[in-house]
Amino acid sequence: MTVAVIGLGYIGLPTAAILATNGVDVVGVDVSDRHVDAVNRGEVPFVEPDLATHVAGAVSQGRLRAQKDTPQADVYIVAVPTPFKDGYEADLSYIDAATDAIAPQLRGGELLILESTSPPGTTEHMARRVMAAREDLSLDGSRSRPVVHVAHCPERVLPGRVMIELVTNDRIIGGLTPEAATRARDVYQVFCGAQLHLTDATTAEMAKLTENSFRDVNIAFANELSVIADRLGIDVFELIELANKHPRVNILQPGPGVGGHCIAVDPWFIVSAVPEEARLIRTAREVNDGKPEVVLRQVQERAERFKDPVVAALGLAFKPDIDDLRESPALGITTALAERLPEASILAVEPNIDTLPDALADRSNVSLTPVDDALEKADVVVLLVDHKEFKNVPRERLMEKVLIDTRGVWR
């Protein structure tokens, strides 16, 4: 079996690596020269614990290589971005481009798996696109045409634990036909030690969106509590800790917003599909999207007490101990601070990156600064991401600073 993984990002590359280290010949495909070159050197282009070991081992054994062109393969796994466009509809252009590159390579008998988190009906959309390009093929063997099997298997892993959870988490596999689901199950059995649940493609798509919407709604409750508690002069972290003493209450922790490629995006796919019905899901998204503005007002209010203030923004990633900046509220807050406080020096502290991201690179009042230097110089310190480096800061170093702790680390 030869597997082509289309998209060597935060999901595609770990999937390619785990397949290859389990004896499968894998070709990774990506439009980025940086990603392709890194993989072929046996290196990884982003931070993910344990991934580098898998990639280096797979490349050295000749099981994994990367290229920009889509090859012929027995199995295609599409793991490309699905951002949203204006109006919060899914942008399927990356999936379409991947599909269009796969279609000419098909001979019949291949399995196409969509891993990208997608609105209901996207797997069928991909299959229709293949059939439109290849009228000599079919999805069910009708009129004696060679069959192409199509399935959806959404990723269900947590950044920072991807290589663990690829193996230990249950997977949902939805086929356009029962045979497609069975064939996809055989692929994931190569490395997944958990249960593999078979269903239809649309249900599998909706299951992933439901998981992330559940998380989003619960985070929105915590974030709304934090705004209410601030208005009432209450420590929201103590409030939640006490409320969670109830045996049937488990409130999540608030933060500066919600980021990442899943929770901050996926609920909108449900809202755009059924806008009249998805009222709670929409409201939760709006609460979480509004939380960065609350933090911005707090920082501005405190920074304005100083002439030419120095503000240390601790963290740019969307979650602790990774370098992933996708949909990061911390990055958005830091960018907005640079715009709203032009007289301030913004010290961006992100220990997992080496250069400022594009959103900040051209800001003359922003510099990427080590945590020790930032704490030495800052008048105002705002903790946006609870990286381990920030948790370990001695409390005496913070005593003379104006602190805004959005994560409850320095209580």
Protein backbone atom coordinates (compact mmCIF):
# COMPACT_ATOMS: atom_id res chain seq x y z
CA MET A 1 0.00 0.00 0.00
CA THR A 2 1.26 3.44 -0.97
CA VAL A 3 -0.37 6.42 0.73
CA ALA A 4 -0.19 10.01 -0.49
CA VAL A 5 -0.90 12.56 2.23
CA ILE A 6 -1.94 15.88 0.71
CA GLY A 7 -0.98 18.70 3.07
CA LEU A 8 1.99 18.45 5.42
CA GLY A 9 0.72 20.73 8.14
CA TYR A 10 -0.17 20.16 11.77
CA ILE A 11 -2.35 17.13 10.94
CA GLY A 12 -1.04 15.86 7.60
CA LEU A 13 2.61 15.51 8.58
CA PRO A 14 1.94 13.62 11.84
CA THR A 15 -0.45 11.32 9.94
CA ALA A 16 2.15 10.71 7.24
CA ALA A 17 4.85 10.07 9.84
CA ILE A 18 2.80 7.65 11.96
CA LEU A 19 1.82 5.64 8.87
CA ALA A 20 5.42 5.51 7.66
CA THR A 21 6.81 4.42 11.02
CA ASN A 22 4.29 1.60 10.94
CA GLY A 23 5.66 0.25 7.67
CA VAL A 24 3.61 2.07 5.05
CA ASP A 25 5.25 3.78 2.07
CA VAL A 26 4.12 7.40 2.26
CA VAL A 27 4.53 10.33 -0.09
CA GLY A 28 3.78 13.69 1.48
CA VAL A 29 2.56 16.45 -0.83
CA ASP A 30 2.64 20.14 -0.01
CA VAL A 31 2.72 23.44 -1.90
CA SER A 32 5.34 24.81 0.49
CA ASP A 33 8.99 24.39 -0.50
CA ARG A 34 9.88 24.91 3.15
CA HIS A 35 7.77 21.99 4.31
CA VAL A 36 8.86 19.69 1.49
CA ASP A 37 12.55 20.44 1.99
CA ALA A 38 12.32 20.06 5.78
CA VAL A 39 10.64 16.66 5.55
CA ASN A 40 13.14 15.38 3.00
CA ARG A 41 15.92 16.37 5.42
CA GLY A 42 14.16 14.39 8.13
CA GLU A 43 13.16 17.56 9.96
CA VAL A 44 9.87 19.16 10.98
CA PRO A 45 8.82 22.72 10.08
CA PHE A 46 6.83 23.38 13.27
CA VAL A 47 6.74 22.45 16.95
CA GLU A 48 4.98 19.23 17.92
CA PRO A 49 6.37 16.94 20.63
CA ASP A 50 7.75 13.58 19.38
CA LEU A 51 6.99 14.36 15.73
CA ALA A 52 10.63 15.02 14.85
CA THR A 53 11.63 11.53 15.99
CA HIS A 54 8.97 9.90 13.82
CA VAL A 55 9.81 11.99 10.76
CA ALA A 56 13.56 11.45 11.06
CA GLY A 57 13.11 7.71 11.49
CA ALA A 58 10.65 7.34 8.63
CA VAL A 59 12.80 9.34 6.21
CA SER A 60 15.98 7.46 7.17
CA GLN A 61 14.18 4.15 6.55
CA GLY A 62 13.00 5.31 3.13
CA ARG A 63 9.33 5.08 4.11
CA LEU A 64 8.57 8.81 3.90
CA ARG A 65 9.44 11.41 1.30
CA ALA A 66 7.90 14.73 0.30
CA GLN A 67 7.25 16.48 -2.99
CA LYS A 68 5.08 19.19 -4.51
CA ASP A 69 3.40 17.10 -7.23
CA THR A 70 0.61 14.63 -6.49
CA PRO A 71 1.69 11.06 -7.36
CA GLN A 72 -0.21 7.90 -8.14
CA ALA A 73 -1.06 6.06 -4.92
CA ASP A 74 -3.40 3.45 -3.52
CA VAL A 75 -4.75 5.76 -0.80
CA TYR A 76 -5.01 9.54 -0.73
CA ILE A 77 -5.46 11.36 2.57
CA VAL A 78 -6.42 15.01 2.14
CA ALA A 79 -5.46 17.11 5.16
CA VAL A 80 -5.55 20.69 3.91
CA PRO A 81 -6.90 23.85 5.57
CA THR A 82 -10.61 24.70 5.62
CA PRO A 83 -10.77 28.31 6.81
CA PHE A 84 -13.93 30.37 6.64
CA LYS A 85 -14.73 33.17 4.24
CA ASP A 86 -16.81 36.30 4.72
CA GLY A 87 -20.15 35.29 6.12
CA TYR A 88 -18.45 32.41 7.95
CA GLU A 89 -18.92 29.95 5.11
CA ALA A 90 -16.21 27.36 4.61
CA ASP A 91 -13.53 28.08 2.05
CA LEU A 92 -13.25 24.78 0.16
CA SER A 93 -10.66 26.04 -2.33
CA TYR A 94 -7.84 24.04 -0.74
CA ILE A 95 -9.89 20.84 -0.87
CA ASP A 96 -10.86 21.58 -4.47
CA ALA A 97 -7.22 22.14 -5.46
CA ALA A 98 -6.16 18.90 -3.79
CA THR A 99 -9.01 17.01 -5.48
CA ASP A 100 -8.18 18.43 -8.89
CA ALA A 101 -4.57 17.29 -8.50
CA ILE A 102 -5.63 13.78 -7.44
CA ALA A 103 -8.21 13.17 -10.18
CA PRO A 104 -5.77 12.74 -13.12
CA GLN A 105 -3.77 10.17 -11.14
CA LEU A 106 -6.67 7.78 -10.54
CA ARG A 107 -6.84 4.40 -12.27
CA GLY A 108 -9.68 2.82 -10.28
CA GLY A 109 -9.65 1.03 -6.96
CA GLU A 110 -8.15 3.92 -5.00
CA LEU A 111 -9.41 5.19 -1.66
CA LEU A 112 -9.78 8.94 -1.09
CA ILE A 113 -10.02 10.02 2.55
CA LEU A 114 -10.87 13.57 3.53
CA GLU A 115 -9.44 14.41 6.97
CA SER A 116 -9.94 18.17 6.78
CA THR A 117 -12.67 19.37 9.13
CA SER A 118 -15.54 20.22 6.81
CA PRO A 119 -19.19 21.29 6.68
CA PRO A 120 -21.77 18.55 6.11
CA GLY A 121 -21.73 17.46 2.48
CA THR A 122 -18.09 18.31 1.73
CA THR A 123 -17.04 14.69 1.21
CA GLU A 124 -19.85 14.30 -1.34
CA HIS A 125 -18.72 17.56 -2.92
CA MET A 126 -15.21 16.18 -3.29
CA ALA A 127 -16.52 12.95 -4.82
CA ARG A 128 -18.71 14.83 -7.31
CA ARG A 129 -15.69 16.90 -8.33
CA VAL A 130 -13.71 13.73 -9.02
CA MET A 131 -16.55 12.21 -11.02
CA ALA A 132 -16.93 15.39 -13.08
CA ALA A 133 -13.26 15.25 -14.00
CA ARG A 134 -13.19 11.47 -14.54
CA GLU A 135 -16.34 10.21 -16.23
CA ASP A 136 -14.59 6.89 -16.79
CA LEU A 137 -14.80 6.15 -13.06
CA SER A 138 -17.65 5.63 -10.61
CA LEU A 139 -18.36 5.59 -6.91
CA ASP A 140 -20.33 2.34 -6.89
CA GLY A 141 -19.24 0.29 -9.93
CA SER A 142 -22.22 1.28 -12.05
CA ARG A 143 -21.97 0.50 -15.76
CA SER A 144 -18.86 -1.57 -15.08
CA ARG A 145 -16.70 1.49 -14.51
CA PRO A 146 -13.73 1.22 -12.12
CA VAL A 147 -14.63 2.31 -8.60
CA VAL A 148 -13.07 5.07 -6.53
CA HIS A 149 -13.90 4.82 -2.82
CA VAL A 150 -14.42 8.03 -0.84
CA ALA A 151 -14.60 8.48 2.93
CA HIS A 152 -14.29 11.09 5.65
CA CYS A 153 -12.22 10.57 8.80
CA PRO A 154 -11.90 13.80 10.79
CA GLU A 155 -8.86 14.31 12.96
CA ARG A 156 -9.55 14.35 16.71
CA VAL A 157 -6.18 15.28 18.21
CA LEU A 158 -4.92 18.01 20.51
CA PRO A 159 -1.92 20.08 19.41
CA GLY A 160 0.94 19.25 21.73
CA ARG A 161 -0.30 15.66 22.06
CA VAL A 162 -0.84 14.75 18.42
CA MET A 163 1.55 11.79 18.23
CA ILE A 164 -0.03 10.28 21.34
CA GLU A 165 -3.65 10.89 20.44
CA LEU A 166 -3.30 9.63 16.87
CA VAL A 167 -2.80 6.23 18.48
CA THR A 168 -5.01 6.44 21.58
CA ASN A 169 -8.11 8.36 20.45
CA ASP A 170 -11.14 6.69 18.88
CA ARG A 171 -11.73 7.61 15.25
CA ILE A 172 -14.97 8.20 13.40
CA ILE A 173 -14.95 6.95 9.82
CA GLY A 174 -17.75 7.85 7.43
CA GLY A 175 -17.93 6.39 3.95
CA LEU A 176 -19.98 7.40 0.96
CA THR A 177 -20.51 3.64 0.72
CA PRO A 178 -20.12 0.93 3.37
CA GLU A 179 -17.15 -0.48 1.43
CA ALA A 180 -15.41 2.90 1.48
CA ALA A 181 -15.81 3.08 5.25
CA THR A 182 -14.44 -0.46 5.65
CA ARG A 183 -11.43 0.28 3.47
CA ALA A 184 -10.70 3.46 5.40
CA ARG A 185 -10.93 1.53 8.65
CA ASP A 186 -8.22 -0.81 7.36
CA VAL A 187 -5.92 2.16 6.81
CA TYR A 188 -6.36 3.60 10.29
CA GLN A 189 -5.98 0.19 11.92
CA VAL A 190 -2.33 0.35 10.86
CA PHE A 191 -1.57 2.78 13.71
CA CYS A 192 -4.70 3.47 15.75
CA GLY A 193 -5.04 1.32 18.85
CA ALA A 194 -8.42 2.74 19.85
CA GLN A 195 -11.89 1.94 18.53
CA LEU A 196 -12.84 2.82 14.95
CA HIS A 197 -16.51 3.75 14.56
CA LEU A 198 -18.07 3.40 11.11
CA THR A 199 -20.90 5.62 9.87
CA ASP A 200 -21.83 7.63 6.78
CA ALA A 201 -19.74 10.58 5.61
CA THR A 202 -22.19 13.35 6.51
CA THR A 203 -22.62 12.07 10.05
CA ALA A 204 -18.84 11.86 10.43
CA GLU A 205 -18.50 15.46 9.25
CA MET A 206 -21.17 16.64 11.66
CA ALA A 207 -19.68 14.65 14.56
CA LYS A 208 -16.43 16.61 14.38
CA LEU A 209 -18.26 19.93 14.23
CA THR A 210 -20.42 18.86 17.16
CA GLU A 211 -17.40 17.99 19.31
CA ASN A 212 -15.82 21.38 18.78
CA SER A 213 -19.09 23.27 19.15
CA PHE A 214 -19.65 21.55 22.50
CA ARG A 215 -16.26 22.80 23.64
CA ASP A 216 -16.93 26.27 22.30
CA VAL A 217 -20.26 26.60 24.09
CA ASN A 218 -18.72 25.56 27.40
CA ILE A 219 -15.75 27.91 26.99
CA ALA A 220 -18.19 30.71 26.18
CA PHE A 221 -19.94 30.11 29.50
CA ALA A 222 -16.61 30.47 31.32
CA ASN A 223 -15.67 33.57 29.33
CA GLU A 224 -19.03 35.20 29.97
CA LEU A 225 -18.62 34.43 33.68
CA SER A 226 -15.24 36.18 33.61
CA VAL A 227 -16.84 39.36 32.24
CA ILE A 228 -19.64 39.20 34.81
CA ALA A 229 -17.19 38.53 37.65
CA ASP A 230 -15.01 41.47 36.62
CA ARG A 231 -18.04 43.77 36.69
CA LEU A 232 -18.92 42.51 40.19
CA GLY A 233 -15.36 42.66 41.54
CA ILE A 234 -15.06 38.88 41.88
CA ASP A 235 -12.06 36.67 41.13
CA VAL A 236 -13.53 34.47 38.38
CA PHE A 237 -10.96 31.72 38.92
CA GLU A 238 -11.87 31.41 42.59
CA LEU A 239 -15.55 31.54 41.63
CA ILE A 240 -15.17 28.65 39.18
CA GLU A 241 -13.05 26.66 41.59
CA LEU A 242 -15.75 26.93 44.24
CA ALA A 243 -18.61 26.19 41.84
CA ASN A 244 -16.77 23.10 40.63
CA LYS A 245 -16.93 21.68 44.17
CA HIS A 246 -20.45 20.62 43.22
CA PRO A 247 -20.32 16.97 42.11
CA ARG A 248 -22.19 17.64 38.86
CA VAL A 249 -20.53 20.94 37.89
CA ASN A 250 -17.37 21.13 35.79
CA ILE A 251 -16.92 24.66 34.45
CA LEU A 252 -13.97 25.21 32.14
CA GLN A 253 -11.40 27.97 32.57
CA PRO A 254 -11.81 31.36 30.88
CA GLY A 255 -9.15 32.97 28.74
CA PRO A 256 -8.55 35.81 26.29
CA GLY A 257 -10.67 34.18 23.60
CA VAL A 258 -10.65 30.98 21.58
CA GLY A 259 -8.14 30.15 18.86
CA GLY A 260 -6.83 27.33 16.76
CA HIS A 261 -7.92 25.66 13.58
CA CYS A 262 -10.89 23.84 15.12
CA ILE A 263 -12.87 25.38 17.96
CA ALA A 264 -12.60 28.94 16.65
CA VAL A 265 -13.75 27.90 13.17
CA ASP A 266 -15.83 24.73 13.12
CA PRO A 267 -18.98 25.99 14.91
CA TRP A 268 -19.43 28.55 12.14
CA PHE A 269 -19.78 25.68 9.66
CA ILE A 270 -22.88 24.53 11.54
CA VAL A 271 -24.20 28.08 11.79
CA SER A 272 -23.73 28.69 8.07
CA ALA A 273 -25.45 25.38 7.22
CA VAL A 274 -28.54 25.96 9.41
CA PRO A 275 -28.47 29.61 10.56
CA GLU A 276 -32.01 29.72 11.93
CA GLU A 277 -31.58 26.66 14.12
CA ALA A 278 -28.02 27.12 15.43
CA ARG A 279 -28.84 29.97 17.83
CA LEU A 280 -26.92 28.82 20.91
CA ILE A 281 -23.89 27.84 18.85
CA ARG A 282 -23.86 31.27 17.17
CA THR A 283 -24.15 33.08 20.51
CA ALA A 284 -21.27 31.10 21.97
CA ARG A 285 -19.10 32.01 18.99
CA GLU A 286 -19.99 35.67 19.41
CA VAL A 287 -19.14 35.58 23.13
CA ASN A 288 -15.76 34.00 22.50
CA ASP A 289 -15.00 36.24 19.54
CA GLY A 290 -15.80 39.24 21.73
CA LYS A 291 -13.53 38.31 24.63
CA PRO A 292 -10.31 39.73 23.08
CA GLU A 293 -11.94 43.17 23.04
CA VAL A 294 -12.60 42.88 26.77
CA VAL A 295 -8.91 42.12 27.38
CA LEU A 296 -7.84 44.96 25.09
CA ARG A 297 -9.87 47.48 27.07
CA GLN A 298 -8.31 46.26 30.31
CA VAL A 299 -4.79 46.63 28.93
CA GLN A 300 -5.45 50.03 27.40
CA GLU A 301 -6.94 51.36 30.63
CA ARG A 302 -3.86 50.35 32.62
CA ALA A 303 -1.29 51.33 29.98
CA GLU A 304 -2.70 54.85 29.75
CA ARG A 305 -1.56 55.48 33.33
CA PHE A 306 2.03 55.60 32.06
CA LYS A 307 3.78 58.00 29.74
CA ASP A 308 5.30 56.00 26.87
CA PRO A 309 4.22 52.71 28.44
CA VAL A 310 6.01 49.42 27.94
CA VAL A 311 3.62 46.48 27.64
CA ALA A 312 4.78 42.87 27.75
CA ALA A 313 2.36 40.56 25.91
CA LEU A 314 3.19 37.05 27.09
CA GLY A 315 2.26 34.51 24.44
CA LEU A 316 1.21 34.64 20.81
CA ALA A 317 0.21 31.01 20.16
CA PHE A 318 -3.38 29.88 20.53
CA LYS A 319 -2.58 27.39 23.32
CA PRO A 320 0.29 26.54 25.67
CA ASP A 321 3.68 25.17 24.65
CA ILE A 322 3.24 25.09 20.87
CA ASP A 323 4.08 27.49 18.02
CA ASP A 324 0.66 27.36 16.30
CA LEU A 325 -0.67 30.89 15.72
CA ARG A 326 -3.79 30.00 13.76
CA GLU A 327 -6.80 32.10 14.82
CA SER A 328 -4.90 32.99 17.99
CA PRO A 329 -6.65 35.57 20.18
CA ALA A 330 -3.28 36.34 21.79
CA LEU A 331 -1.83 37.32 18.43
CA GLY A 332 -4.91 39.38 17.63
CA ILE A 333 -4.74 41.18 20.97
CA THR A 334 -1.04 41.97 20.56
CA THR A 335 -1.60 43.27 17.03
CA ALA A 336 -4.47 45.47 18.20
CA LEU A 337 -2.39 46.82 21.09
CA ALA A 338 0.30 47.92 18.64
CA GLU A 339 -2.36 49.79 16.65
CA ARG A 340 -4.24 51.36 19.55
CA LEU A 341 -1.18 52.29 21.64
CA PRO A 342 1.22 53.74 19.06
CA GLU A 343 3.18 55.52 21.80
CA ALA A 344 3.74 52.26 23.68
CA SER A 345 6.51 49.72 23.26
CA ILE A 346 4.94 46.29 22.84
CA LEU A 347 7.22 43.45 23.88
CA ALA A 348 5.88 40.29 22.27
CA VAL A 349 7.06 37.23 24.19
CA GLU A 350 6.64 33.88 22.44
CA PRO A 351 9.30 31.30 23.35
CA ASN A 352 8.21 28.89 20.60
CA ILE A 353 9.00 31.10 17.59
CA ASP A 354 12.17 32.78 16.31
CA THR A 355 10.72 35.67 14.30
CA LEU A 356 7.68 37.88 14.54
CA PRO A 357 4.68 36.70 12.50
CA ASP A 358 3.61 38.75 9.50
CA ALA A 359 0.84 40.48 11.46
CA LEU A 360 3.47 42.08 13.72
CA ALA A 361 6.59 42.15 11.57
CA ASP A 362 5.99 45.63 10.14
CA ARG A 363 4.95 47.23 13.44
CA SER A 364 7.69 49.64 14.50
CA ASN A 365 6.61 49.55 18.15
CA VAL A 366 6.66 45.75 18.48
CA SER A 367 9.68 43.58 19.19
CA LEU A 368 10.05 39.85 19.85
CA THR A 369 11.58 39.78 23.31
CA PRO A 370 12.83 37.06 25.69
CA VAL A 371 10.69 36.71 28.78
CA ASP A 372 13.39 37.87 31.23
CA ASP A 373 14.04 41.07 29.27
CA ALA A 374 10.34 41.75 28.90
CA LEU A 375 9.68 41.41 32.61
CA GLU A 376 12.61 43.68 33.37
CA LYS A 377 11.40 46.49 31.09
CA ALA A 378 7.59 46.28 31.22
CA ASP A 379 5.23 48.56 33.08
CA VAL A 380 2.23 46.40 32.22
CA VAL A 381 2.40 42.61 31.88
CA VAL A 382 -0.50 40.78 30.25
CA LEU A 383 -0.45 36.99 30.34
CA LEU A 384 -2.24 35.70 27.25
CA VAL A 385 -0.98 32.10 26.98
CA ASP A 386 0.03 29.90 29.90
CA HIS A 387 3.30 28.61 28.45
CA LYS A 388 5.46 26.71 30.93
CA GLU A 389 8.06 29.47 30.79
CA PHE A 390 5.52 31.91 32.19
CA LYS A 391 4.23 29.58 34.89
CA ASN A 392 7.76 29.32 36.24
CA VAL A 393 8.30 33.08 36.63
CA PRO A 394 9.15 33.87 40.29
CA ARG A 395 6.35 35.90 41.83
CA GLU A 396 8.77 38.47 43.25
CA ARG A 397 9.62 39.53 39.69
CA LEU A 398 6.02 40.63 39.21
CA MET A 399 5.47 42.58 42.42
CA GLU A 400 6.02 46.05 40.95
CA LYS A 401 4.25 45.37 37.67
CA VAL A 402 0.70 46.07 36.63
CA LEU A 403 -0.60 42.57 35.89
CA ILE A 404 -3.42 41.34 33.72
CA ASP A 405 -3.61 37.56 34.01
CA THR A 406 -6.14 36.16 31.56
CA ARG A 407 -5.27 32.55 32.44
CA GLY A 408 -5.28 32.58 36.25
CA VAL A 409 -1.63 31.48 36.47
CA TRP A 410 -0.46 34.14 38.93
CA ARG A 411 -3.33 34.09 41.41
